[in-house]
Amino acid sequence: LNMPLAMSIVWEVAKHPKKSKTLAQLLLKFDKI
């Protein structure tokens, strides 16, 4: 349950320069955790 590492990946997706519905869906999937 390494949440600090998991959150660093969440932020990588959140800050990705390309604004994409695919990344929005990925963040929604991560939100299951």
Full PDB file with SEQRES, HELIX, SHEET, SSBOND, CRYST1, ORIGX, SCALE, CONECT and MASTER records, all heavy atoms in Angstrom:
SEQRES   1 A   33  LEU ASN MET PRO LEU ALA MET SER ILE VAL TRP GLU VAL          
SEQRES   2 A   33  ALA LYS HIS PRO LYS LYS SER LYS THR LEU ALA GLN LEU          
SEQRES   3 A   33  LEU LEU LYS PHE ASP LYS ILE                                  
HELIX    1 AA1 MET A    3  ALA A   14  1                                  12    
HELIX    2 AA2 LYS A   21  PHE A   30  1                                  10    
CRYST1    1.000    1.000    1.000  90.00  90.00  90.00 P 1           1          
ORIGX1      1.000000  0.000000  0.000000        0.00000                         
ORIGX2      0.000000  1.000000  0.000000        0.00000                         
ORIGX3      0.000000  0.000000  1.000000        0.00000                         
SCALE1      1.000000  0.000000  0.000000        0.00000                         
SCALE2      0.000000  1.000000  0.000000        0.00000                         
SCALE3      0.000000  0.000000  1.000000        0.00000                         
ATOM      1  N   LEU A   1       0.825  -1.212   0.000  1.00  0.00           N  
ATOM      2  CA  LEU A   1       0.000   0.000   0.000  1.00  0.00           C  
ATOM      3  C   LEU A   1       0.861   1.265   0.000  1.00  0.00           C  
ATOM      4  O   LEU A   1       0.679   2.170   0.824  1.00  0.00           O  
ATOM      5  CB  LEU A   1      -0.941   0.023   1.220  1.00  0.00           C  
ATOM      6  CG  LEU A   1      -1.670  -1.277   1.583  1.00  0.00           C  
ATOM      7  CD1 LEU A   1      -2.530  -1.075   2.819  1.00  0.00           C  
ATOM      8  CD2 LEU A   1      -2.510  -1.782   0.425  1.00  0.00           C  
ATOM      9  N   ASN A   2       1.799   1.332  -0.930  1.00  0.00           N  
ATOM     10  CA  ASN A   2       2.736   2.461  -0.975  1.00  0.00           C  
ATOM     11  C   ASN A   2       2.057   3.697  -1.568  1.00  0.00           C  
ATOM     12  O   ASN A   2       2.225   4.034  -2.744  1.00  0.00           O  
ATOM     13  CB  ASN A   2       3.970   2.087  -1.802  1.00  0.00           C  
ATOM     14  CG  ASN A   2       5.080   3.117  -1.678  1.00  0.00           C  
ATOM     15  OD1 ASN A   2       4.859   4.256  -1.292  1.00  0.00           O  
ATOM     16  ND2 ASN A   2       6.293   2.702  -2.002  1.00  0.00           N  
ATOM     17  N   MET A   3       1.292   4.394  -0.732  1.00  0.00           N  
ATOM     18  CA  MET A   3       0.520   5.535  -1.205  1.00  0.00           C  
ATOM     19  C   MET A   3       1.366   6.763  -1.561  1.00  0.00           C  
ATOM     20  O   MET A   3       1.023   7.489  -2.503  1.00  0.00           O  
ATOM     21  CB  MET A   3      -0.558   5.898  -0.182  1.00  0.00           C  
ATOM     22  CG  MET A   3      -1.695   4.883  -0.110  1.00  0.00           C  
ATOM     23  SD  MET A   3      -2.465   4.553  -1.721  1.00  0.00           S  
ATOM     24  CE  MET A   3      -3.235   6.122  -2.056  1.00  0.00           C  
ATOM     25  N   PRO A   4       2.467   7.044  -0.854  1.00  0.00           N  
ATOM     26  CA  PRO A   4       3.287   8.182  -1.296  1.00  0.00           C  
ATOM     27  C   PRO A   4       3.790   8.017  -2.736  1.00  0.00           C  
ATOM     28  O   PRO A   4       3.748   8.968  -3.525  1.00  0.00           O  
ATOM     29  CB  PRO A   4       4.451   8.189  -0.296  1.00  0.00           C  
ATOM     30  CG  PRO A   4       3.873   7.583   0.939  1.00  0.00           C  
ATOM     31  CD  PRO A   4       2.945   6.513   0.439  1.00  0.00           C  
ATOM     32  N   LEU A   5       4.222   6.798  -3.095  1.00  0.00           N  
ATOM     33  CA  LEU A   5       4.680   6.544  -4.466  1.00  0.00           C  
ATOM     34  C   LEU A   5       3.498   6.603  -5.433  1.00  0.00           C  
ATOM     35  O   LEU A   5       3.603   7.173  -6.523  1.00  0.00           O  
ATOM     36  CB  LEU A   5       5.376   5.189  -4.550  1.00  0.00           C  
ATOM     37  CG  LEU A   5       5.913   4.786  -5.931  1.00  0.00           C  
ATOM     38  CD1 LEU A   5       6.874   5.836  -6.464  1.00  0.00           C  
ATOM     39  CD2 LEU A   5       6.582   3.409  -5.866  1.00  0.00           C  
ATOM     40  N   ALA A   6       2.374   6.015  -5.033  1.00  0.00           N  
ATOM     41  CA  ALA A   6       1.179   6.038  -5.887  1.00  0.00           C  
ATOM     42  C   ALA A   6       0.739   7.477  -6.165  1.00  0.00           C  
ATOM     43  O   ALA A   6       0.374   7.819  -7.291  1.00  0.00           O  
ATOM     44  CB  ALA A   6       0.041   5.253  -5.225  1.00  0.00           C  
ATOM     45  N   MET A   7       0.802   8.336  -5.138  1.00  0.00           N  
ATOM     46  CA  MET A   7       0.399   9.732  -5.314  1.00  0.00           C  
ATOM     47  C   MET A   7       1.348  10.477  -6.256  1.00  0.00           C  
ATOM     48  O   MET A   7       0.912  11.371  -6.999  1.00  0.00           O  
ATOM     49  CB  MET A   7       0.339  10.452  -3.965  1.00  0.00           C  
ATOM     50  CG  MET A   7      -0.878  10.089  -3.121  1.00  0.00           C  
ATOM     51  SD  MET A   7      -2.470  10.348  -3.954  1.00  0.00           S  
ATOM     52  CE  MET A   7      -2.436  12.120  -4.209  1.00  0.00           C  
ATOM     53  N   SER A   8       2.627  10.121  -6.254  1.00  0.00           N  
ATOM     54  CA  SER A   8       3.561  10.774  -7.172  1.00  0.00           C  
ATOM     55  C   SER A   8       3.189  10.470  -8.620  1.00  0.00           C  
ATOM     56  O   SER A   8       3.340  11.321  -9.510  1.00  0.00           O  
ATOM     57  CB  SER A   8       5.002  10.332  -6.876  1.00  0.00           C  
ATOM     58  OG  SER A   8       5.234   8.987  -7.281  1.00  0.00           O  
ATOM     59  N   ILE A   9       2.665   9.268  -8.853  1.00  0.00           N  
ATOM     60  CA  ILE A   9       2.228   8.888 -10.204  1.00  0.00           C  
ATOM     61  C   ILE A   9       0.927   9.608 -10.560  1.00  0.00           C  
ATOM     62  O   ILE A   9       0.733  10.056 -11.692  1.00  0.00           O  
ATOM     63  CB  ILE A   9       2.088   7.355 -10.298  1.00  0.00           C  
ATOM     64  CG1 ILE A   9       3.452   6.695 -10.101  1.00  0.00           C  
ATOM     65  CG2 ILE A   9       1.496   6.928 -11.641  1.00  0.00           C  
ATOM     66  CD1 ILE A   9       3.425   5.329  -9.503  1.00  0.00           C  
ATOM     67  N   VAL A  10       0.036   9.731  -9.586  1.00  0.00           N  
ATOM     68  CA  VAL A  10      -1.205  10.485  -9.797  1.00  0.00           C  
ATOM     69  C   VAL A  10      -0.873  11.917 -10.227  1.00  0.00           C  
ATOM     70  O   VAL A  10      -1.473  12.452 -11.177  1.00  0.00           O  
ATOM     71  CB  VAL A  10      -2.057  10.495  -8.506  1.00  0.00           C  
ATOM     72  CG1 VAL A  10      -3.231  11.478  -8.643  1.00  0.00           C  
ATOM     73  CG2 VAL A  10      -2.584   9.100  -8.193  1.00  0.00           C  
ATOM     74  N   TRP A  11       0.093  12.532  -9.572  1.00  0.00           N  
ATOM     75  CA  TRP A  11       0.471  13.908  -9.910  1.00  0.00           C  
ATOM     76  C   TRP A  11       1.133  13.996 -11.286  1.00  0.00           C  
ATOM     77  O   TRP A  11       0.963  14.994 -11.996  1.00  0.00           O  
ATOM     78  CB  TRP A  11       1.383  14.493  -8.832  1.00  0.00           C  
ATOM     79  CG  TRP A  11       0.618  14.955  -7.629  1.00  0.00           C  
ATOM     80  CD1 TRP A  11       0.626  14.417  -6.385  1.00  0.00           C  
ATOM     81  CD2 TRP A  11      -0.304  16.046  -7.575  1.00  0.00           C  
ATOM     82  NE1 TRP A  11      -0.224  15.081  -5.560  1.00  0.00           N  
ATOM     83  CE2 TRP A  11      -0.806  16.095  -6.251  1.00  0.00           C  
ATOM     84  CE3 TRP A  11      -0.756  16.976  -8.502  1.00  0.00           C  
ATOM     85  CZ2 TRP A  11      -1.736  17.052  -5.845  1.00  0.00           C  
ATOM     86  CZ3 TRP A  11      -1.680  17.927  -8.100  1.00  0.00           C  
ATOM     87  CH2 TRP A  11      -2.163  17.964  -6.787  1.00  0.00           C  
ATOM     88  N   GLU A  12       1.895  12.966 -11.669  1.00  0.00           N  
ATOM     89  CA  GLU A  12       2.478  12.947 -13.020  1.00  0.00           C  
ATOM     90  C   GLU A  12       1.368  13.014 -14.075  1.00  0.00           C  
ATOM     91  O   GLU A  12       1.465  13.741 -15.061  1.00  0.00           O  
ATOM     92  CB  GLU A  12       3.306  11.677 -13.227  1.00  0.00           C  
ATOM     93  CG  GLU A  12       4.703  11.714 -12.626  1.00  0.00           C  
ATOM     94  CD  GLU A  12       5.495  10.464 -13.000  1.00  0.00           C  
ATOM     95  OE1 GLU A  12       5.462  10.068 -14.187  1.00  0.00           O  
ATOM     96  OE2 GLU A  12       6.124   9.885 -12.093  1.00  0.00           O  
ATOM     97  N   VAL A  13       0.317  12.226 -13.840  1.00  0.00           N  
ATOM     98  CA  VAL A  13      -0.816  12.221 -14.778  1.00  0.00           C  
ATOM     99  C   VAL A  13      -1.534  13.566 -14.742  1.00  0.00           C  
ATOM    100  O   VAL A  13      -1.869  14.144 -15.782  1.00  0.00           O  
ATOM    101  CB  VAL A  13      -1.791  11.073 -14.437  1.00  0.00           C  
ATOM    102  CG1 VAL A  13      -3.019  11.122 -15.349  1.00  0.00           C  
ATOM    103  CG2 VAL A  13      -1.100   9.722 -14.549  1.00  0.00           C  
ATOM    104  N   ALA A  14      -1.766  14.071 -13.529  1.00  0.00           N  
ATOM    105  CA  ALA A  14      -2.496  15.341 -13.376  1.00  0.00           C  
ATOM    106  C   ALA A  14      -1.774  16.490 -14.085  1.00  0.00           C  
ATOM    107  O   ALA A  14      -2.412  17.359 -14.694  1.00  0.00           O  
ATOM    108  CB  ALA A  14      -2.671  15.662 -11.893  1.00  0.00           C  
ATOM    109  N   LYS A  15      -0.440  16.484 -14.024  1.00  0.00           N  
ATOM    110  CA  LYS A  15       0.347  17.597 -14.578  1.00  0.00           C  
ATOM    111  C   LYS A  15       0.801  17.363 -16.025  1.00  0.00           C  
ATOM    112  O   LYS A  15       1.546  18.175 -16.572  1.00  0.00           O  
ATOM    113  CB  LYS A  15       1.571  17.827 -13.689  1.00  0.00           C  
ATOM    114  CG  LYS A  15       1.229  18.333 -12.296  1.00  0.00           C  
ATOM    115  CD  LYS A  15       2.469  18.458 -11.423  1.00  0.00           C  
ATOM    116  CE  LYS A  15       2.123  18.970 -10.036  1.00  0.00           C  
ATOM    117  NZ  LYS A  15       3.334  19.064  -9.167  1.00  0.00           N  
ATOM    118  N   HIS A  16       0.359  16.263 -16.617  1.00  0.00           N  
ATOM    119  CA  HIS A  16       0.782  15.967 -17.992  1.00  0.00           C  
ATOM    120  C   HIS A  16       0.412  17.147 -18.908  1.00  0.00           C  
ATOM    121  O   HIS A  16      -0.712  17.664 -18.849  1.00  0.00           O  
ATOM    122  CB  HIS A  16       0.103  14.689 -18.490  1.00  0.00           C  
ATOM    123  CG  HIS A  16       0.751  14.115 -19.708  1.00  0.00           C  
ATOM    124  ND1 HIS A  16       0.529  14.625 -20.971  1.00  0.00           N  
ATOM    125  CD2 HIS A  16       1.625  13.086 -19.868  1.00  0.00           C  
ATOM    126  CE1 HIS A  16       1.227  13.925 -21.847  1.00  0.00           C  
ATOM    127  NE2 HIS A  16       1.905  12.990 -21.204  1.00  0.00           N  
ATOM    128  N   PRO A  17       1.357  17.590 -19.731  1.00  0.00           N  
ATOM    129  CA  PRO A  17       1.106  18.780 -20.558  1.00  0.00           C  
ATOM    130  C   PRO A  17      -0.038  18.628 -21.553  1.00  0.00           C  
ATOM    131  O   PRO A  17      -0.708  19.605 -21.887  1.00  0.00           O  
ATOM    132  CB  PRO A  17       2.445  19.005 -21.277  1.00  0.00           C  
ATOM    133  CG  PRO A  17       3.170  17.699 -21.183  1.00  0.00           C  
ATOM    134  CD  PRO A  17       2.726  17.083 -19.901  1.00  0.00           C  
ATOM    135  N   LYS A  18      -0.252  17.411 -22.050  1.00  0.00           N  
ATOM    136  CA  LYS A  18      -1.366  17.191 -22.972  1.00  0.00           C  
ATOM    137  C   LYS A  18      -2.653  16.989 -22.169  1.00  0.00           C  
ATOM    138  O   LYS A  18      -2.697  16.174 -21.242  1.00  0.00           O  
ATOM    139  CB  LYS A  18      -1.112  15.965 -23.855  1.00  0.00           C  
ATOM    140  CG  LYS A  18      -0.026  16.175 -24.898  1.00  0.00           C  
ATOM    141  CD  LYS A  18       0.088  14.963 -25.807  1.00  0.00           C  
ATOM    142  CE  LYS A  18       1.137  15.182 -26.886  1.00  0.00           C  
ATOM    143  NZ  LYS A  18       1.272  13.996 -27.771  1.00  0.00           N  
ATOM    144  N   LYS A  19      -3.681  17.744 -22.522  1.00  0.00           N  
ATOM    145  CA  LYS A  19      -4.961  17.642 -21.822  1.00  0.00           C  
ATOM    146  C   LYS A  19      -5.849  16.680 -22.602  1.00  0.00           C  
ATOM    147  O   LYS A  19      -6.279  16.968 -23.710  1.00  0.00           O  
ATOM    148  CB  LYS A  19      -5.625  19.010 -21.694  1.00  0.00           C  
ATOM    149  CG  LYS A  19      -4.731  20.038 -20.990  1.00  0.00           C  
ATOM    150  CD  LYS A  19      -4.201  19.522 -19.665  1.00  0.00           C  
ATOM    151  CE  LYS A  19      -3.079  20.367 -19.115  1.00  0.00           C  
ATOM    152  NZ  LYS A  19      -2.383  19.704 -17.997  1.00  0.00           N  
ATOM    153  N   SER A  20      -6.107  15.513 -21.978  1.00  0.00           N  
ATOM    154  CA  SER A  20      -6.731  14.412 -22.703  1.00  0.00           C  
ATOM    155  C   SER A  20      -7.798  13.729 -21.867  1.00  0.00           C  
ATOM    156  O   SER A  20      -7.611  13.476 -20.664  1.00  0.00           O  
ATOM    157  CB  SER A  20      -5.646  13.396 -23.083  1.00  0.00           C  
ATOM    158  OG  SER A  20      -6.192  12.167 -23.432  1.00  0.00           O  
ATOM    159  N   LYS A  21      -8.921  13.393 -22.519  1.00  0.00           N  
ATOM    160  CA  LYS A  21      -9.972  12.633 -21.840  1.00  0.00           C  
ATOM    161  C   LYS A  21      -9.458  11.273 -21.378  1.00  0.00           C  
ATOM    162  O   LYS A  21      -9.936  10.720 -20.378  1.00  0.00           O  
ATOM    163  CB  LYS A  21     -11.170  12.455 -22.775  1.00  0.00           C  
ATOM    164  CG  LYS A  21     -12.103  13.660 -22.816  1.00  0.00           C  
ATOM    165  CD  LYS A  21     -13.342  13.360 -23.630  1.00  0.00           C  
ATOM    166  CE  LYS A  21     -14.431  14.406 -23.416  1.00  0.00           C  
ATOM    167  NZ  LYS A  21     -13.989  15.772 -23.622  1.00  0.00           N  
ATOM    168  N   THR A  22      -8.505  10.728 -22.094  1.00  0.00           N  
ATOM    169  CA  THR A  22      -7.916   9.438 -21.712  1.00  0.00           C  
ATOM    170  C   THR A  22      -7.254   9.551 -20.341  1.00  0.00           C  
ATOM    171  O   THR A  22      -7.392   8.650 -19.500  1.00  0.00           O  
ATOM    172  CB  THR A  22      -6.871   8.987 -22.752  1.00  0.00           C  
ATOM    173  OG1 THR A  22      -7.486   8.949 -24.035  1.00  0.00           O  
ATOM    174  CG2 THR A  22      -6.324   7.610 -22.410  1.00  0.00           C  
ATOM    175  N   LEU A  23      -6.543  10.653 -20.102  1.00  0.00           N  
ATOM    176  CA  LEU A  23      -5.896  10.859 -18.801  1.00  0.00           C  
ATOM    177  C   LEU A  23      -6.930  11.158 -17.719  1.00  0.00           C  
ATOM    178  O   LEU A  23      -6.752  10.782 -16.555  1.00  0.00           O  
ATOM    179  CB  LEU A  23      -4.871  11.983 -18.895  1.00  0.00           C  
ATOM    180  CG  LEU A  23      -3.649  11.693 -19.779  1.00  0.00           C  
ATOM    181  CD1 LEU A  23      -2.698  12.874 -19.784  1.00  0.00           C  
ATOM    182  CD2 LEU A  23      -2.929  10.422 -19.338  1.00  0.00           C  
ATOM    183  N   ALA A  24      -8.025  11.820 -18.091  1.00  0.00           N  
ATOM    184  CA  ALA A  24      -9.117  12.046 -17.130  1.00  0.00           C  
ATOM    185  C   ALA A  24      -9.701  10.710 -16.676  1.00  0.00           C  
ATOM    186  O   ALA A  24      -9.955  10.496 -15.484  1.00  0.00           O  
ATOM    187  CB  ALA A  24     -10.203  12.918 -17.759  1.00  0.00           C  
ATOM    188  N   GLN A  25      -9.887   9.795 -17.632  1.00  0.00           N  
ATOM    189  CA  GLN A  25     -10.413   8.465 -17.303  1.00  0.00           C  
ATOM    190  C   GLN A  25      -9.424   7.687 -16.438  1.00  0.00           C  
ATOM    191  O   GLN A  25      -9.823   6.919 -15.565  1.00  0.00           O  
ATOM    192  CB  GLN A  25     -10.721   7.690 -18.585  1.00  0.00           C  
ATOM    193  CG  GLN A  25     -11.940   8.195 -19.341  1.00  0.00           C  
ATOM    194  CD  GLN A  25     -13.193   8.204 -18.475  1.00  0.00           C  
ATOM    195  OE1 GLN A  25     -13.570   7.196 -17.886  1.00  0.00           O  
ATOM    196  NE2 GLN A  25     -13.837   9.366 -18.381  1.00  0.00           N  
ATOM    197  N   LEU A  26      -8.126   7.907 -16.678  1.00  0.00           N  
ATOM    198  CA  LEU A  26      -7.105   7.245 -15.863  1.00  0.00           C  
ATOM    199  C   LEU A  26      -7.143   7.763 -14.429  1.00  0.00           C  
ATOM    200  O   LEU A  26      -7.068   6.983 -13.471  1.00  0.00           O  
ATOM    201  CB  LEU A  26      -5.718   7.462 -16.477  1.00  0.00           C  
ATOM    202  CG  LEU A  26      -4.560   6.720 -15.795  1.00  0.00           C  
ATOM    203  CD1 LEU A  26      -4.792   5.211 -15.807  1.00  0.00           C  
ATOM    204  CD2 LEU A  26      -3.238   7.055 -16.492  1.00  0.00           C  
ATOM    205  N   LEU A  27      -7.280   9.075 -14.265  1.00  0.00           N  
ATOM    206  CA  LEU A  27      -7.405   9.645 -12.913  1.00  0.00           C  
ATOM    207  C   LEU A  27      -8.657   9.124 -12.219  1.00  0.00           C  
ATOM    208  O   LEU A  27      -8.653   8.862 -11.012  1.00  0.00           O  
ATOM    209  CB  LEU A  27      -7.446  11.178 -12.993  1.00  0.00           C  
ATOM    210  CG  LEU A  27      -6.124  11.870 -13.313  1.00  0.00           C  
ATOM    211  CD1 LEU A  27      -6.350  13.364 -13.531  1.00  0.00           C  
ATOM    212  CD2 LEU A  27      -5.091  11.652 -12.214  1.00  0.00           C  
ATOM    213  N   LEU A  28      -9.736   8.958 -12.982  1.00  0.00           N  
ATOM    214  CA  LEU A  28     -10.973   8.416 -12.430  1.00  0.00           C  
ATOM    215  C   LEU A  28     -10.757   6.969 -11.968  1.00  0.00           C  
ATOM    216  O   LEU A  28     -11.283   6.548 -10.929  1.00  0.00           O  
ATOM    217  CB  LEU A  28     -12.073   8.476 -13.492  1.00  0.00           C  
ATOM    218  CG  LEU A  28     -13.525   8.503 -13.012  1.00  0.00           C  
ATOM    219  CD1 LEU A  28     -13.774   9.648 -12.049  1.00  0.00           C  
ATOM    220  CD2 LEU A  28     -14.467   8.592 -14.196  1.00  0.00           C  
ATOM    221  N   LYS A  29      -9.961   6.226 -12.735  1.00  0.00           N  
ATOM    222  CA  LYS A  29      -9.641   4.853 -12.352  1.00  0.00           C  
ATOM    223  C   LYS A  29      -8.792   4.834 -11.080  1.00  0.00           C  
ATOM    224  O   LYS A  29      -9.033   4.037 -10.167  1.00  0.00           O  
ATOM    225  CB  LYS A  29      -8.895   4.149 -13.491  1.00  0.00           C  
ATOM    226  CG  LYS A  29      -8.597   2.681 -13.198  1.00  0.00           C  
ATOM    227  CD  LYS A  29      -7.949   1.989 -14.394  1.00  0.00           C  
ATOM    228  CE  LYS A  29      -7.697   0.511 -14.070  1.00  0.00           C  
ATOM    229  NZ  LYS A  29      -7.061  -0.202 -15.204  1.00  0.00           N  
ATOM    230  N   PHE A  30      -7.800   5.731 -11.003  1.00  0.00           N  
ATOM    231  CA  PHE A  30      -6.959   5.823  -9.800  1.00  0.00           C  
ATOM    232  C   PHE A  30      -7.792   6.200  -8.578  1.00  0.00           C  
ATOM    233  O   PHE A  30      -7.469   5.832  -7.450  1.00  0.00           O  
ATOM    234  CB  PHE A  30      -5.844   6.849 -10.009  1.00  0.00           C  
ATOM    235  CG  PHE A  30      -4.772   6.435 -10.990  1.00  0.00           C  
ATOM    236  CD1 PHE A  30      -3.823   7.356 -11.426  1.00  0.00           C  
ATOM    237  CD2 PHE A  30      -4.695   5.129 -11.473  1.00  0.00           C  
ATOM    238  CE1 PHE A  30      -2.829   6.987 -12.331  1.00  0.00           C  
ATOM    239  CE2 PHE A  30      -3.706   4.747 -12.374  1.00  0.00           C  
ATOM    240  CZ  PHE A  30      -2.770   5.688 -12.800  1.00  0.00           C  
ATOM    241  N   ASP A  31      -8.882   6.948  -8.826  1.00  0.00           N  
ATOM    242  CA  ASP A  31      -9.734   7.376  -7.711  1.00  0.00           C  
ATOM    243  C   ASP A  31     -10.466   6.206  -7.055  1.00  0.00           C  
ATOM    244  O   ASP A  31     -11.013   6.343  -5.966  1.00  0.00           O  
ATOM    245  CB  ASP A  31     -10.734   8.434  -8.177  1.00  0.00           C  
ATOM    246  CG  ASP A  31     -11.379   9.182  -7.025  1.00  0.00           C  
ATOM    247  OD1 ASP A  31     -10.666   9.504  -6.053  1.00  0.00           O  
ATOM    248  OD2 ASP A  31     -12.598   9.430  -7.069  1.00  0.00           O  
ATOM    249  N   LYS A  32     -10.482   5.056  -7.722  1.00  0.00           N  
ATOM    250  CA  LYS A  32     -11.023   3.855  -7.073  1.00  0.00           C  
ATOM    251  C   LYS A  32     -10.191   3.503  -5.841  1.00  0.00           C  
ATOM    252  O   LYS A  32     -10.696   2.876  -4.906  1.00  0.00           O  
ATOM    253  CB  LYS A  32     -11.030   2.679  -8.051  1.00  0.00           C  
ATOM    254  CG  LYS A  32     -12.050   2.808  -9.172  1.00  0.00           C  
ATOM    255  CD  LYS A  32     -11.980   1.625 -10.119  1.00  0.00           C  
ATOM    256  CE  LYS A  32     -12.987   1.753 -11.255  1.00  0.00           C  
ATOM    257  NZ  LYS A  32     -12.881   0.627 -12.212  1.00  0.00           N  
ATOM    258  N   ILE A  33      -8.925   3.905  -5.847  1.00  0.00           N  
ATOM    259  CA  ILE A  33      -8.047   3.713  -4.691  1.00  0.00           C  
ATOM    260  C   ILE A  33      -8.101   4.934  -3.769  1.00  0.00           C  
ATOM    261  O   ILE A  33      -8.245   4.802  -2.555  1.00  0.00           O  
ATOM    262  CB  ILE A  33      -6.590   3.478  -5.138  1.00  0.00           C  
ATOM    263  CG1 ILE A  33      -6.481   2.199  -5.977  1.00  0.00           C  
ATOM    264  CG2 ILE A  33      -5.659   3.396  -3.920  1.00  0.00           C  
ATOM    265  CD1 ILE A  33      -6.822   0.918  -5.243  1.00  0.00           C  
TER     266      ILE A  33                                                      
MASTER        0    0    0    2    0    0    0    6  265    1    0    3          
END                                                                             
